[in-house]
Amino acid sequence: MNLSRKWIVLSLATLAAVGGCSEHTPQYGMERPLTLMTARRQVWAIAPAVNLSGESGVDPLLQADLVFQQLQTVRGVTVIPVNRVAQIYAALSWCR
């Protein structure tokens, strides 16, 4: 092989090695959107949780609110807030 061919092969090998080692920054926090695959949009009411554990540190409203926040990100689902459901429960108990 003559000197010019060696130079070309060496240049191409160097470019391939440098180009293949480029850094790709990971995209943290990029989550795939969730979709509920149904024929119609669904409406879900999130009621306050029932604490059956006996632990006094568990806040049923906070736990239900966390579920509400996560469900808001799902396409195809309309979520009724926890405080609205709690108001309906309170109104129903007054009627009895």
N, C-alpha and C. Protein backbone atom coordinates (compact mmCIF):
# COMPACT_ATOMS: atom_id res chain seq x y z
N MET A 1 0.85 -1.17 0.00
CA MET A 1 0.00 0.00 0.00
C MET A 1 0.89 1.23 0.00
N ASN A 2 0.50 2.17 -0.81
CA ASN A 2 1.31 3.38 -0.83
C ASN A 2 0.91 4.31 0.31
N LEU A 3 1.67 5.35 0.51
CA LEU A 3 1.50 6.25 1.64
C LEU A 3 0.16 6.97 1.62
N SER A 4 -0.37 7.36 0.45
CA SER A 4 -1.64 8.09 0.39
C SER A 4 -2.81 7.19 0.79
N ARG A 5 -2.77 5.90 0.40
CA ARG A 5 -3.85 4.98 0.80
C ARG A 5 -3.81 4.73 2.31
N LYS A 6 -2.62 4.56 2.85
CA LYS A 6 -2.49 4.37 4.29
C LYS A 6 -3.04 5.59 5.03
N TRP A 7 -2.74 6.76 4.52
CA TRP A 7 -3.22 8.00 5.14
C TRP A 7 -4.74 8.07 5.10
N ILE A 8 -5.37 7.68 4.01
CA ILE A 8 -6.82 7.71 3.87
C ILE A 8 -7.46 6.69 4.82
N VAL A 9 -6.93 5.48 4.87
CA VAL A 9 -7.47 4.44 5.75
C VAL A 9 -7.34 4.87 7.21
N LEU A 10 -6.19 5.42 7.58
CA LEU A 10 -5.98 5.89 8.94
C LEU A 10 -6.92 7.04 9.28
N SER A 11 -7.16 7.94 8.36
CA SER A 11 -8.07 9.07 8.59
C SER A 11 -9.50 8.59 8.77
N LEU A 12 -9.94 7.65 7.92
CA LEU A 12 -11.30 7.13 8.04
C LEU A 12 -11.49 6.35 9.34
N ALA A 13 -10.51 5.58 9.74
CA ALA A 13 -10.60 4.83 10.99
C ALA A 13 -10.67 5.78 12.19
N THR A 14 -9.91 6.84 12.14
CA THR A 14 -9.92 7.83 13.22
C THR A 14 -11.27 8.53 13.29
N LEU A 15 -11.82 8.91 12.15
CA LEU A 15 -13.13 9.57 12.13
C LEU A 15 -14.24 8.64 12.63
N ALA A 16 -14.18 7.38 12.26
CA ALA A 16 -15.18 6.41 12.71
C ALA A 16 -15.10 6.22 14.22
N ALA A 17 -13.88 6.15 14.74
CA ALA A 17 -13.71 5.95 16.18
C ALA A 17 -14.17 7.18 16.96
N VAL A 18 -13.85 8.36 16.50
CA VAL A 18 -14.24 9.58 17.19
C VAL A 18 -15.74 9.81 17.07
N GLY A 19 -16.31 9.58 15.90
CA GLY A 19 -17.74 9.79 15.70
C GLY A 19 -18.58 8.80 16.46
N GLY A 20 -18.11 7.58 16.63
CA GLY A 20 -18.87 6.56 17.35
C GLY A 20 -18.83 6.72 18.85
N CYS A 21 -17.93 7.53 19.36
CA CYS A 21 -17.78 7.70 20.81
C CYS A 21 -18.41 8.99 21.30
N SER A 22 -19.26 9.60 20.51
CA SER A 22 -19.87 10.85 20.97
C SER A 22 -20.78 10.58 22.15
N GLU A 23 -20.85 11.53 23.05
CA GLU A 23 -21.64 11.35 24.27
C GLU A 23 -23.10 11.66 24.00
N HIS A 24 -23.98 10.81 24.57
CA HIS A 24 -25.41 11.04 24.50
C HIS A 24 -25.88 11.30 25.93
N THR A 25 -26.42 12.49 26.14
CA THR A 25 -26.90 12.85 27.47
C THR A 25 -28.20 12.12 27.75
N PRO A 26 -28.28 11.35 28.84
CA PRO A 26 -29.54 10.68 29.17
C PRO A 26 -30.61 11.71 29.52
N GLN A 27 -31.83 11.44 29.08
CA GLN A 27 -32.94 12.36 29.34
C GLN A 27 -33.70 11.88 30.57
N TYR A 28 -33.27 12.35 31.72
CA TYR A 28 -33.93 11.98 32.95
C TYR A 28 -35.23 12.77 33.08
N GLY A 29 -36.23 12.16 33.67
CA GLY A 29 -37.50 12.83 33.88
C GLY A 29 -38.41 12.80 32.67
N MET A 30 -37.97 12.19 31.59
CA MET A 30 -38.80 12.09 30.39
C MET A 30 -39.54 10.76 30.45
N GLU A 31 -40.80 10.80 30.84
CA GLU A 31 -41.58 9.58 30.94
C GLU A 31 -42.53 9.48 29.76
N ARG A 32 -42.79 8.26 29.38
CA ARG A 32 -43.73 8.01 28.29
C ARG A 32 -45.14 8.30 28.80
N PRO A 33 -45.94 9.09 28.07
CA PRO A 33 -47.30 9.36 28.54
C PRO A 33 -48.16 8.10 28.54
N LEU A 34 -48.99 7.96 29.56
CA LEU A 34 -49.87 6.81 29.67
C LEU A 34 -51.22 7.14 29.05
N THR A 35 -51.83 6.15 28.42
CA THR A 35 -53.13 6.32 27.79
C THR A 35 -54.01 5.14 28.16
N LEU A 36 -55.25 5.44 28.56
CA LEU A 36 -56.22 4.40 28.83
C LEU A 36 -56.93 4.10 27.52
N MET A 37 -56.74 2.90 27.00
CA MET A 37 -57.29 2.53 25.70
C MET A 37 -58.73 2.05 25.85
N THR A 38 -59.68 2.97 25.79
CA THR A 38 -61.10 2.63 25.83
C THR A 38 -61.82 3.37 24.71
N ALA A 39 -63.03 2.92 24.42
CA ALA A 39 -63.80 3.56 23.36
C ALA A 39 -64.20 4.98 23.73
N ARG A 40 -64.52 5.21 25.01
CA ARG A 40 -64.92 6.53 25.48
C ARG A 40 -64.03 6.99 26.62
N ARG A 41 -64.00 8.29 26.79
CA ARG A 41 -63.27 8.86 27.92
C ARG A 41 -63.96 8.44 29.21
N GLN A 42 -63.19 8.09 30.23
CA GLN A 42 -63.76 7.65 31.49
C GLN A 42 -63.61 8.72 32.56
N VAL A 43 -64.56 8.75 33.48
CA VAL A 43 -64.52 9.68 34.61
C VAL A 43 -64.33 8.85 35.87
N TRP A 44 -63.29 9.16 36.62
CA TRP A 44 -62.98 8.44 37.85
C TRP A 44 -63.07 9.41 39.02
N ALA A 45 -63.71 8.98 40.10
CA ALA A 45 -63.77 9.78 41.33
C ALA A 45 -62.82 9.14 42.34
N ILE A 46 -61.95 9.95 42.90
CA ILE A 46 -60.97 9.45 43.86
C ILE A 46 -61.46 9.81 45.26
N ALA A 47 -61.84 8.79 46.01
CA ALA A 47 -62.33 8.99 47.37
C ALA A 47 -61.16 8.96 48.34
N PRO A 48 -61.34 9.61 49.49
CA PRO A 48 -60.29 9.53 50.52
C PRO A 48 -60.03 8.07 50.90
N ALA A 49 -58.79 7.76 51.15
CA ALA A 49 -58.41 6.40 51.50
C ALA A 49 -58.93 6.03 52.89
N VAL A 50 -59.09 4.76 53.12
CA VAL A 50 -59.50 4.26 54.43
C VAL A 50 -58.25 3.68 55.09
N ASN A 51 -57.91 4.19 56.26
CA ASN A 51 -56.71 3.74 56.97
C ASN A 51 -57.06 2.54 57.83
N LEU A 52 -56.78 1.36 57.33
CA LEU A 52 -57.03 0.13 58.08
C LEU A 52 -55.79 -0.35 58.82
N SER A 53 -54.68 0.36 58.66
CA SER A 53 -53.42 -0.07 59.26
C SER A 53 -53.34 0.24 60.75
N GLY A 54 -54.09 1.23 61.20
CA GLY A 54 -53.99 1.62 62.61
C GLY A 54 -52.87 2.61 62.87
N GLU A 55 -52.09 2.94 61.85
CA GLU A 55 -51.00 3.91 61.99
C GLU A 55 -51.57 5.31 62.04
N SER A 56 -51.18 6.08 63.04
CA SER A 56 -51.70 7.44 63.17
C SER A 56 -51.03 8.41 62.20
N GLY A 57 -49.88 8.05 61.66
CA GLY A 57 -49.15 8.93 60.76
C GLY A 57 -49.64 8.90 59.33
N VAL A 58 -50.60 8.05 59.02
CA VAL A 58 -51.11 7.95 57.66
C VAL A 58 -52.23 8.97 57.48
N ASP A 59 -52.10 9.82 56.47
CA ASP A 59 -53.11 10.82 56.17
C ASP A 59 -53.92 10.33 54.97
N PRO A 60 -55.16 9.89 55.17
CA PRO A 60 -55.96 9.35 54.06
C PRO A 60 -56.20 10.35 52.94
N LEU A 61 -56.37 11.63 53.28
CA LEU A 61 -56.59 12.65 52.25
C LEU A 61 -55.33 12.86 51.41
N LEU A 62 -54.18 12.86 52.07
CA LEU A 62 -52.92 13.03 51.36
C LEU A 62 -52.66 11.85 50.43
N GLN A 63 -52.90 10.65 50.90
CA GLN A 63 -52.68 9.46 50.07
C GLN A 63 -53.60 9.47 48.85
N ALA A 64 -54.85 9.83 49.04
CA ALA A 64 -55.79 9.89 47.91
C ALA A 64 -55.41 11.01 46.96
N ASP A 65 -54.91 12.12 47.48
CA ASP A 65 -54.49 13.23 46.63
C ASP A 65 -53.30 12.84 45.77
N LEU A 66 -52.39 12.03 46.30
CA LEU A 66 -51.25 11.55 45.50
C LEU A 66 -51.72 10.67 44.34
N VAL A 67 -52.72 9.83 44.60
CA VAL A 67 -53.29 9.01 43.53
C VAL A 67 -53.95 9.90 42.48
N PHE A 68 -54.68 10.92 42.94
CA PHE A 68 -55.33 11.87 42.03
C PHE A 68 -54.30 12.55 41.13
N GLN A 69 -53.20 13.00 41.71
CA GLN A 69 -52.16 13.68 40.93
C GLN A 69 -51.59 12.77 39.85
N GLN A 70 -51.36 11.51 40.16
CA GLN A 70 -50.80 10.59 39.19
C GLN A 70 -51.81 10.27 38.08
N LEU A 71 -53.08 10.12 38.44
CA LEU A 71 -54.10 9.80 37.45
C LEU A 71 -54.38 10.95 36.49
N GLN A 72 -54.08 12.17 36.90
CA GLN A 72 -54.27 13.32 36.02
C GLN A 72 -53.36 13.24 34.79
N THR A 73 -52.29 12.48 34.87
CA THR A 73 -51.36 12.39 33.75
C THR A 73 -51.78 11.35 32.72
N VAL A 74 -52.83 10.59 33.00
CA VAL A 74 -53.27 9.52 32.09
C VAL A 74 -54.25 10.09 31.08
N ARG A 75 -53.93 9.91 29.79
CA ARG A 75 -54.84 10.35 28.73
C ARG A 75 -56.06 9.45 28.69
N GLY A 76 -57.22 10.03 28.47
CA GLY A 76 -58.44 9.25 28.38
C GLY A 76 -59.18 9.11 29.70
N VAL A 77 -58.66 9.75 30.76
CA VAL A 77 -59.29 9.68 32.08
C VAL A 77 -59.51 11.10 32.60
N THR A 78 -60.74 11.38 33.00
CA THR A 78 -61.05 12.62 33.71
C THR A 78 -61.18 12.25 35.17
N VAL A 79 -60.45 12.93 36.03
CA VAL A 79 -60.41 12.58 37.45
C VAL A 79 -61.09 13.67 38.26
N ILE A 80 -62.03 13.26 39.11
CA ILE A 80 -62.70 14.18 40.01
C ILE A 80 -61.84 14.31 41.27
N PRO A 81 -61.55 15.54 41.70
CA PRO A 81 -60.66 15.74 42.84
C PRO A 81 -61.19 15.14 44.14
N VAL A 82 -60.27 14.83 45.03
CA VAL A 82 -60.58 14.19 46.30
C VAL A 82 -61.49 15.07 47.15
N ASN A 83 -61.21 16.36 47.20
CA ASN A 83 -62.02 17.24 48.06
C ASN A 83 -63.46 17.31 47.58
N ARG A 84 -63.68 17.23 46.28
CA ARG A 84 -65.05 17.25 45.74
C ARG A 84 -65.79 15.96 46.11
N VAL A 85 -65.11 14.85 46.04
CA VAL A 85 -65.72 13.56 46.41
C VAL A 85 -66.03 13.56 47.90
N ALA A 86 -65.13 14.11 48.72
CA ALA A 86 -65.36 14.18 50.17
C ALA A 86 -66.58 15.06 50.47
N GLN A 87 -66.76 16.14 49.70
CA GLN A 87 -67.93 17.00 49.89
C GLN A 87 -69.22 16.26 49.57
N ILE A 88 -69.20 15.45 48.53
CA ILE A 88 -70.38 14.68 48.16
C ILE A 88 -70.70 13.65 49.25
N TYR A 89 -69.66 12.97 49.75
CA TYR A 89 -69.87 12.02 50.84
C TYR A 89 -70.48 12.71 52.05
N ALA A 90 -69.98 13.89 52.39
CA ALA A 90 -70.51 14.63 53.54
C ALA A 90 -71.96 15.02 53.29
N ALA A 91 -72.28 15.46 52.09
CA ALA A 91 -73.66 15.85 51.78
C ALA A 91 -74.59 14.64 51.83
N LEU A 92 -74.13 13.50 51.38
CA LEU A 92 -74.98 12.29 51.42
C LEU A 92 -75.24 11.83 52.85
N SER A 93 -74.28 12.02 53.73
CA SER A 93 -74.49 11.60 55.11
C SER A 93 -75.47 12.53 55.83
N TRP A 94 -75.58 13.80 55.39
CA TRP A 94 -76.53 14.74 55.99
C TRP A 94 -77.97 14.41 55.56
N CYS A 95 -78.11 13.80 54.39
CA CYS A 95 -79.44 13.50 53.87
C CYS A 95 -80.09 12.32 54.58
N ARG A 96 -79.34 11.48 55.20
CA ARG A 96 -79.90 10.28 55.83
C ARG A 96 -80.46 10.52 57.19
